[in-house]
Every structure is written in structure tokens, then in C-alpha cells.
PDB file of N, CA and C in Angstrom:
ATOM      1  N   MET A   1      63.808  42.714 -10.319  1.00  0.00           N
ATOM      2  CA  MET A   1      64.402  44.023 -10.540  1.00  0.00           C
ATOM      3  C   MET A   1      64.415  44.380 -12.022  1.00  0.00           C
ATOM      4  N   GLN A   2      63.473  43.817 -12.770  1.00  0.00           N
ATOM      5  CA  GLN A   2      63.437  44.080 -14.202  1.00  0.00           C
ATOM      6  C   GLN A   2      63.225  45.554 -14.505  1.00  0.00           C
ATOM      7  N   GLY A   3      62.539  46.273 -13.606  1.00  0.00           N
ATOM      8  CA  GLY A   3      62.344  47.708 -13.794  1.00  0.00           C
ATOM      9  C   GLY A   3      63.644  48.486 -13.735  1.00  0.00           C
ATOM     10  N   ALA A   4      64.674  47.885 -13.177  1.00  0.00           N
ATOM     11  CA  ALA A   4      65.997  48.511 -13.096  1.00  0.00           C
ATOM     12  C   ALA A   4      66.941  47.939 -14.151  1.00  0.00           C
ATOM     13  N   GLY A   5      66.414  47.116 -15.050  1.00  0.00           N
ATOM     14  CA  GLY A   5      67.237  46.538 -16.102  1.00  0.00           C
ATOM     15  C   GLY A   5      67.987  45.289 -15.687  1.00  0.00           C
ATOM     16  N   ILE A   6      67.618  44.697 -14.557  1.00  0.00           N
ATOM     17  CA  ILE A   6      68.250  43.463 -14.090  1.00  0.00           C
ATOM     18  C   ILE A   6      67.307  42.309 -14.400  1.00  0.00           C
ATOM     19  N   MET A   7      67.760  41.412 -15.266  1.00  0.00           N
ATOM     20  CA  MET A   7      66.932  40.301 -15.717  1.00  0.00           C
ATOM     21  C   MET A   7      67.385  38.993 -15.073  1.00  0.00           C
ATOM     22  N   PRO A   8      66.511  37.970 -15.101  1.00  0.00           N
ATOM     23  CA  PRO A   8      66.936  36.656 -14.601  1.00  0.00           C
ATOM     24  C   PRO A   8      68.199  36.194 -15.338  1.00  0.00           C
ATOM     25  N   ASP A   9      69.089  35.560 -14.635  1.00  0.00           N
ATOM     26  CA  ASP A   9      70.355  35.032 -15.150  1.00  0.00           C
ATOM     27  C   ASP A   9      71.410  36.099 -15.424  1.00  0.00           C
ATOM     28  N   ASP A  10      71.124  37.372 -15.156  1.00  0.00           N
ATOM     29  CA  ASP A  10      72.156  38.402 -15.271  1.00  0.00           C
ATOM     30  C   ASP A  10      73.199  38.197 -14.179  1.00  0.00           C
ATOM     31  N   ILE A  11      74.380  38.707 -14.428  1.00  0.00           N
ATOM     32  CA  ILE A  11      75.453  38.675 -13.439  1.00  0.00           C
ATOM     33  C   ILE A  11      75.613  40.089 -12.896  1.00  0.00           C
ATOM     34  N   LEU A  12      75.611  40.213 -11.574  1.00  0.00           N
ATOM     35  CA  LEU A  12      75.755  41.520 -10.940  1.00  0.00           C
ATOM     36  C   LEU A  12      77.177  41.678 -10.423  1.00  0.00           C
ATOM     37  N   ILE A  13      77.758  42.840 -10.691  1.00  0.00           N
ATOM     38  CA  ILE A  13      79.057  43.194 -10.131  1.00  0.00           C
ATOM     39  C   ILE A  13      78.769  44.081  -8.929  1.00  0.00           C
ATOM     40  N   VAL A  14      79.302  43.691  -7.777  1.00  0.00           N
ATOM     41  CA  VAL A  14      78.981  44.358  -6.515  1.00  0.00           C
ATOM     42  C   VAL A  14      80.261  44.890  -5.882  1.00  0.00           C
ATOM     43  N   ASP A  15      80.214  46.144  -5.447  1.00  0.00           N
ATOM     44  CA  ASP A  15      81.345  46.765  -4.753  1.00  0.00           C
ATOM     45  C   ASP A  15      80.996  46.853  -3.273  1.00  0.00           C
ATOM     46  N   ARG A  16      81.693  46.090  -2.467  1.00  0.00           N
ATOM     47  CA  ARG A  16      81.412  46.065  -1.031  1.00  0.00           C
ATOM     48  C   ARG A  16      82.030  47.256  -0.315  1.00  0.00           C
ATOM     49  N   ALA A  17      82.910  47.994  -0.982  1.00  0.00           N
ATOM     50  CA  ALA A  17      83.564  49.137  -0.348  1.00  0.00           C
ATOM     51  C   ALA A  17      82.750  50.423  -0.489  1.00  0.00           C
ATOM     52  N   LEU A  18      81.815  50.457  -1.433  1.00  0.00           N
ATOM     53  CA  LEU A  18      81.014  51.667  -1.638  1.00  0.00           C
ATOM     54  C   LEU A  18      80.004  51.857  -0.520  1.00  0.00           C
ATOM     55  N   GLU A  19      79.740  53.119  -0.211  1.00  0.00           N
ATOM     56  CA  GLU A  19      78.696  53.434   0.766  1.00  0.00           C
ATOM     57  C   GLU A  19      77.337  53.265   0.100  1.00  0.00           C
ATOM     58  N   ALA A  20      76.430  52.627   0.782  1.00  0.00           N
ATOM     59  CA  ALA A  20      75.070  52.437   0.270  1.00  0.00           C
ATOM     60  C   ALA A  20      74.282  53.710   0.546  1.00  0.00           C
ATOM     61  N   THR A  21      74.122  54.527  -0.481  1.00  0.00           N
ATOM     62  CA  THR A  21      73.421  55.799  -0.338  1.00  0.00           C
ATOM     63  C   THR A  21      72.039  55.705  -0.969  1.00  0.00           C
ATOM     64  N   ASN A  22      71.243  56.744  -0.757  1.00  0.00           N
ATOM     65  CA  ASN A  22      69.873  56.782  -1.257  1.00  0.00           C
ATOM     66  C   ASN A  22      69.820  56.509  -2.756  1.00  0.00           C
ATOM     67  N   ASN A  23      68.893  55.668  -3.132  1.00  0.00           N
ATOM     68  CA  ASN A  23      68.560  55.350  -4.521  1.00  0.00           C
ATOM     69  C   ASN A  23      69.526  54.379  -5.198  1.00  0.00           C
ATOM     70  N   ARG A  24      70.503  53.845  -4.477  1.00  0.00           N
ATOM     71  CA  ARG A  24      71.424  52.859  -5.047  1.00  0.00           C
ATOM     72  C   ARG A  24      70.775  51.477  -4.997  1.00  0.00           C
ATOM     73  N   ILE A  25      71.142  50.621  -5.938  1.00  0.00           N
ATOM     74  CA  ILE A  25      70.693  49.232  -5.904  1.00  0.00           C
ATOM     75  C   ILE A  25      71.699  48.465  -5.061  1.00  0.00           C
ATOM     76  N   VAL A  26      71.180  47.722  -4.091  1.00  0.00           N
ATOM     77  CA  VAL A  26      72.051  47.036  -3.139  1.00  0.00           C
ATOM     78  C   VAL A  26      71.720  45.550  -3.065  1.00  0.00           C
ATOM     79  N   ILE A  27      72.699  44.795  -2.611  1.00  0.00           N
ATOM     80  CA  ILE A  27      72.493  43.418  -2.199  1.00  0.00           C
ATOM     81  C   ILE A  27      72.375  43.484  -0.684  1.00  0.00           C
ATOM     82  N   ALA A  28      71.278  42.990  -0.148  1.00  0.00           N
ATOM     83  CA  ALA A  28      71.062  43.038   1.299  1.00  0.00           C
ATOM     84  C   ALA A  28      70.683  41.651   1.803  1.00  0.00           C
ATOM     85  N   ILE A  29      70.950  41.452   3.078  1.00  0.00           N
ATOM     86  CA  ILE A  29      70.508  40.232   3.752  1.00  0.00           C
ATOM     87  C   ILE A  29      69.513  40.661   4.821  1.00  0.00           C
ATOM     88  N   VAL A  30      68.268  40.194   4.680  1.00  0.00           N
ATOM     89  CA  VAL A  30      67.198  40.544   5.614  1.00  0.00           C
ATOM     90  C   VAL A  30      66.674  39.255   6.231  1.00  0.00           C
ATOM     91  N   ASP A  31      66.817  39.152   7.534  1.00  0.00           N
ATOM     92  CA  ASP A  31      66.377  37.955   8.263  1.00  0.00           C
ATOM     93  C   ASP A  31      66.879  36.671   7.607  1.00  0.00           C
ATOM     94  N   GLY A  32      68.153  36.691   7.196  1.00  0.00           N
ATOM     95  CA  GLY A  32      68.790  35.508   6.635  1.00  0.00           C
ATOM     96  C   GLY A  32      68.560  35.277   5.158  1.00  0.00           C
ATOM     97  N   GLU A  33      67.798  36.156   4.486  1.00  0.00           N
ATOM     98  CA  GLU A  33      67.507  35.982   3.068  1.00  0.00           C
ATOM     99  C   GLU A  33      68.191  37.061   2.244  1.00  0.00           C
ATOM    100  N   LEU A  34      68.854  36.639   1.175  1.00  0.00           N
ATOM    101  CA  LEU A  34      69.533  37.549   0.269  1.00  0.00           C
ATOM    102  C   LEU A  34      68.517  38.188  -0.661  1.00  0.00           C
ATOM    103  N   THR A  35      68.652  39.505  -0.901  1.00  0.00           N
ATOM    104  CA  THR A  35      67.724  40.196  -1.782  1.00  0.00           C
ATOM    105  C   THR A  35      68.444  41.308  -2.536  1.00  0.00           C
ATOM    106  N   VAL A  36      67.938  41.634  -3.720  1.00  0.00           N
ATOM    107  CA  VAL A  36      68.436  42.758  -4.513  1.00  0.00           C
ATOM    108  C   VAL A  36      67.309  43.776  -4.561  1.00  0.00           C
ATOM    109  N   LYS A  37      67.571  44.970  -4.036  1.00  0.00           N
ATOM    110  CA  LYS A  37      66.534  46.008  -3.976  1.00  0.00           C
ATOM    111  C   LYS A  37      67.181  47.382  -4.106  1.00  0.00           C
ATOM    112  N   ARG A  38      66.339  48.377  -4.371  1.00  0.00           N
ATOM    113  CA  ARG A  38      66.792  49.768  -4.377  1.00  0.00           C
ATOM    114  C   ARG A  38      66.655  50.311  -2.957  1.00  0.00           C
ATOM    115  N   LEU A  39      67.708  50.935  -2.457  1.00  0.00           N
ATOM    116  CA  LEU A  39      67.702  51.511  -1.118  1.00  0.00           C
ATOM    117  C   LEU A  39      67.108  52.915  -1.179  1.00  0.00           C
ATOM    118  N   LYS A  40      66.094  53.156  -0.379  1.00  0.00           N
ATOM    119  CA  LYS A  40      65.493  54.489  -0.251  1.00  0.00           C
ATOM    120  C   LYS A  40      65.645  54.925   1.196  1.00  0.00           C
ATOM    121  N   ILE A  41      66.159  56.119   1.379  1.00  0.00           N
ATOM    122  CA  ILE A  41      66.341  56.673   2.718  1.00  0.00           C
ATOM    123  C   ILE A  41      65.465  57.912   2.821  1.00  0.00           C
ATOM    124  N   LYS A  42      64.554  57.890   3.805  1.00  0.00           N
ATOM    125  CA  LYS A  42      63.645  59.021   4.035  1.00  0.00           C
ATOM    126  C   LYS A  42      63.781  59.421   5.492  1.00  0.00           C
ATOM    127  N   GLY A  43      64.549  60.478   5.736  1.00  0.00           N
ATOM    128  CA  GLY A  43      64.822  60.872   7.115  1.00  0.00           C
ATOM    129  C   GLY A  43      65.674  59.816   7.779  1.00  0.00           C
ATOM    130  N   LYS A  44      65.166  59.242   8.858  1.00  0.00           N
ATOM    131  CA  LYS A  44      65.888  58.183   9.564  1.00  0.00           C
ATOM    132  C   LYS A  44      65.362  56.793   9.222  1.00  0.00           C
ATOM    133  N   LYS A  45      64.465  56.720   8.237  1.00  0.00           N
ATOM    134  CA  LYS A  45      63.892  55.434   7.843  1.00  0.00           C
ATOM    135  C   LYS A  45      64.565  54.921   6.572  1.00  0.00           C
ATOM    136  N   TYR A  46      64.838  53.614   6.587  1.00  0.00           N
ATOM    137  CA  TYR A  46      65.454  52.944   5.447  1.00  0.00           C
ATOM    138  C   TYR A  46      64.466  51.937   4.874  1.00  0.00           C
ATOM    139  N   TYR A  47      64.313  51.971   3.554  1.00  0.00           N
ATOM    140  CA  TYR A  47      63.421  51.052   2.858  1.00  0.00           C
ATOM    141  C   TYR A  47      64.210  50.309   1.786  1.00  0.00           C
ATOM    142  N   LEU A  48      63.882  49.048   1.580  1.00  0.00           N
ATOM    143  CA  LEU A  48      64.367  48.291   0.441  1.00  0.00           C
ATOM    144  C   LEU A  48      63.192  48.167  -0.513  1.00  0.00           C
ATOM    145  N   VAL A  49      63.322  48.789  -1.674  1.00  0.00           N
ATOM    146  CA  VAL A  49      62.193  48.918  -2.593  1.00  0.00           C
ATOM    147  C   VAL A  49      62.435  48.057  -3.838  1.00  0.00           C
ATOM    148  N   PRO A  50      61.497  47.164  -4.156  1.00  0.00           N
ATOM    149  CA  PRO A  50      61.635  46.356  -5.370  1.00  0.00           C
ATOM    150  C   PRO A  50      61.305  47.191  -6.603  1.00  0.00           C
ATOM    151  N   GLU A  51      61.798  46.782  -7.745  1.00  0.00           N
ATOM    152  CA  GLU A  51      61.461  47.442  -9.013  1.00  0.00           C
ATOM    153  C   GLU A  51      60.347  46.660  -9.706  1.00  0.00           C
ATOM    154  N   ASN A  52      59.457  46.101  -8.910  1.00  0.00           N
ATOM    155  CA  ASN A  52      58.332  45.318  -9.396  1.00  0.00           C
ATOM    156  C   ASN A  52      57.138  45.666  -8.514  1.00  0.00           C
ATOM    157  N   ASP A  53      56.085  46.194  -9.117  1.00  0.00           N
ATOM    158  CA  ASP A  53      54.909  46.640  -8.363  1.00  0.00           C
ATOM    159  C   ASP A  53      54.169  45.507  -7.649  1.00  0.00           C
ATOM    160  N   GLU A  54      54.486  44.260  -7.972  1.00  0.00           N
ATOM    161  CA  GLU A  54      53.817  43.133  -7.320  1.00  0.00           C
ATOM    162  C   GLU A  54      54.336  42.892  -5.906  1.00  0.00           C
ATOM    163  N   PHE A  55      55.443  43.528  -5.545  1.00  0.00           N
ATOM    164  CA  PHE A  55      56.043  43.349  -4.229  1.00  0.00           C
ATOM    165  C   PHE A  55      56.033  44.655  -3.459  1.00  0.00           C
ATOM    166  N   GLU A  56      55.929  44.542  -2.142  1.00  0.00           N
ATOM    167  CA  GLU A  56      55.898  45.710  -1.259  1.00  0.00           C
ATOM    168  C   GLU A  56      57.314  46.079  -0.811  1.00  0.00           C
ATOM    169  N   PRO A  57      57.553  47.363  -0.568  1.00  0.00           N
ATOM    170  CA  PRO A  57      58.837  47.768   0.012  1.00  0.00           C
ATOM    171  C   PRO A  57      59.007  47.164   1.405  1.00  0.00           C
ATOM    172  N   ILE A  58      60.246  46.977   1.799  1.00  0.00           N
ATOM    173  CA  ILE A  58      60.569  46.460   3.126  1.00  0.00           C
ATOM    174  C   ILE A  58      61.087  47.621   3.965  1.00  0.00           C
ATOM    175  N   LEU A  59      60.391  47.945   5.039  1.00  0.00           N
ATOM    176  CA  LEU A  59      60.860  48.957   5.982  1.00  0.00           C
ATOM    177  C   LEU A  59      61.803  48.269   6.952  1.00  0.00           C
ATOM    178  N   ILE A  60      63.023  48.769   7.038  1.00  0.00           N
ATOM    179  CA  ILE A  60      63.996  48.192   7.960  1.00  0.00           C
ATOM    180  C   ILE A  60      63.691  48.728   9.352  1.00  0.00           C
ATOM    181  N   GLN A  61      63.410  47.818  10.264  1.00  0.00           N
ATOM    182  CA  GLN A  61      63.026  48.202  11.618  1.00  0.00           C
ATOM    183  C   GLN A  61      64.020  47.659  12.629  1.00  0.00           C
ATOM    184  N   GLU A  62      64.047  48.302  13.776  1.00  0.00           N
ATOM    185  CA  GLU A  62      64.917  47.859  14.858  1.00  0.00           C
ATOM    186  C   GLU A  62      64.584  46.412  15.212  1.00  0.00           C
ATOM    187  N   GLY A  63      65.605  45.631  15.433  1.00  0.00           N
ATOM    188  CA  GLY A  63      65.410  44.235  15.786  1.00  0.00           C
ATOM    189  C   GLY A  63      65.485  43.283  14.601  1.00  0.00           C
ATOM    190  N   MET A  64      65.417  43.825  13.373  1.00  0.00           N
ATOM    191  CA  MET A  64      65.545  42.972  12.190  1.00  0.00           C
ATOM    192  C   MET A  64      67.004  42.578  12.019  1.00  0.00           C
ATOM    193  N   ASP A  65      67.225  41.366  11.551  1.00  0.00           N
ATOM    194  CA  ASP A  65      68.564  40.925  11.180  1.00  0.00           C
ATOM    195  C   ASP A  65      68.812  41.469   9.778  1.00  0.00           C
ATOM    196  N   PHE A  66      69.597  42.539   9.665  1.00  0.00           N
ATOM    197  CA  PHE A  66      69.730  43.266   8.404  1.00  0.00           C
ATOM    198  C   PHE A  66      71.169  43.708   8.191  1.00  0.00           C
ATOM    199  N   ILE A  67      71.652  43.495   6.977  1.00  0.00           N
ATOM    200  CA  ILE A  67      72.966  44.007   6.596  1.00  0.00           C
ATOM    201  C   ILE A  67      72.953  44.321   5.105  1.00  0.00           C
ATOM    202  N   ILE A  68      73.579  45.421   4.732  1.00  0.00           N
ATOM    203  CA  ILE A  68      73.794  45.710   3.317  1.00  0.00           C
ATOM    204  C   ILE A  68      75.132  45.080   2.957  1.00  0.00           C
ATOM    205  N   TRP A  69      75.090  44.100   2.075  1.00  0.00           N
ATOM    206  CA  TRP A  69      76.274  43.335   1.711  1.00  0.00           C
ATOM    207  C   TRP A  69      77.149  44.093   0.722  1.00  0.00           C
ATOM    208  N   GLY A  70      76.508  44.873  -0.172  1.00  0.00           N
ATOM    209  CA  GLY A  70      77.273  45.632  -1.155  1.00  0.00           C
ATOM    210  C   GLY A  70      76.362  46.413  -2.078  1.00  0.00           C
ATOM    211  N   VAL A  71      76.995  47.246  -2.915  1.00  0.00           N
ATOM    212  CA  VAL A  71      76.279  48.102  -3.862  1.00  0.00           C
ATOM    213  C   VAL A  71      76.515  47.569  -5.277  1.00  0.00           C
ATOM    214  N   VAL A  72      75.431  47.400  -6.024  1.00  0.00           N
ATOM    215  CA  VAL A  72      75.535  46.922  -7.406  1.00  0.00           C
ATOM    216  C   VAL A  72      76.099  48.054  -8.263  1.00  0.00           C
ATOM    217  N   THR A  73      77.167  47.744  -9.003  1.00  0.00           N
ATOM    218  CA  THR A  73      77.796  48.764  -9.847  1.00  0.00           C
ATOM    219  C   THR A  73      77.622  48.485 -11.340  1.00  0.00           C
ATOM    220  N   TYR A  74      77.522  47.204 -11.701  1.00  0.00           N
ATOM    221  CA  TYR A  74      77.354  46.832 -13.104  1.00  0.00           C
ATOM    222  C   TYR A  74      76.450  45.611 -13.206  1.00  0.00           C
ATOM    223  N   VAL A  75      75.795  45.500 -14.373  1.00  0.00           N
ATOM    224  CA  VAL A  75      74.969  44.334 -14.685  1.00  0.00           C
ATOM    225  C   VAL A  75      75.473  43.765 -16.005  1.00  0.00           C
ATOM    226  N   ILE A  76      75.736  42.472 -16.025  1.00  0.00           N
ATOM    227  CA  ILE A  76      76.170  41.803 -17.251  1.00  0.00           C
ATOM    228  C   ILE A  76      75.017  40.937 -17.738  1.00  0.00           C
ATOM    229  N   HIS A  77      74.548  41.238 -18.969  1.00  0.00           N
ATOM    230  CA  HIS A  77      73.442  40.484 -19.564  1.00  0.00           C
ATOM    231  C   HIS A  77      73.996  39.350 -20.418  1.00  0.00           C
ATOM    232  N   LYS A  78      73.361  38.201 -20.351  1.00  0.00           N
ATOM    233  CA  LYS A  78      73.735  37.092 -21.227  1.00  0.00           C
ATOM    234  C   LYS A  78      73.156  37.333 -22.613  1.00  0.00           C
ATOM    235  N   VAL A  79      73.838  36.817 -23.619  1.00  0.00           N
ATOM    236  CA  VAL A  79      73.337  36.954 -24.993  1.00  0.00           C
ATOM    237  C   VAL A  79      73.020  35.597 -25.572  1.00  0.00           C
TER     238      VAL A  79
END
């Protein structure tokens, strides 16, 4: 997620009470794996989009084990 200013070893502050709306960075669990991605909503389709062109967006489909765990609100960088 370096394109979003999130670097390795950064600490993410996550608000689990916030609604995950379009274009927010979220912590999600997809098929048992934790991931940090930007949520894109297009009509009735939900995508988890990486901020790295080397990875493909994930289309959330029926039958997937999927949950949005929370919305990233702050990033703490180490110095």
C-alpha cells in the first residue's frame, strides 16, 4: 500500500465502528487471509484494490469468506 503512504513496519489505527464506504482504506479478511486494500464500490460490485500495480484487484463474489474488519483512519510511520 505504498501508493497510499503506508510503508512496511507502519502502524495502522483502525476504527471498527466506521462504515466502510467507497474509496476508504480497509482491513479485510478474504478467505481467511488478512489484507489492507482500498475499497471500491461500483454499483453492486465491491472490489479490494491494492495501491501497487503489481497486484490485481479482488472482486468480492458470492460464496467468498469475506469480512471488512475495520477502516484505516491513521498511519504512524517509524522514524
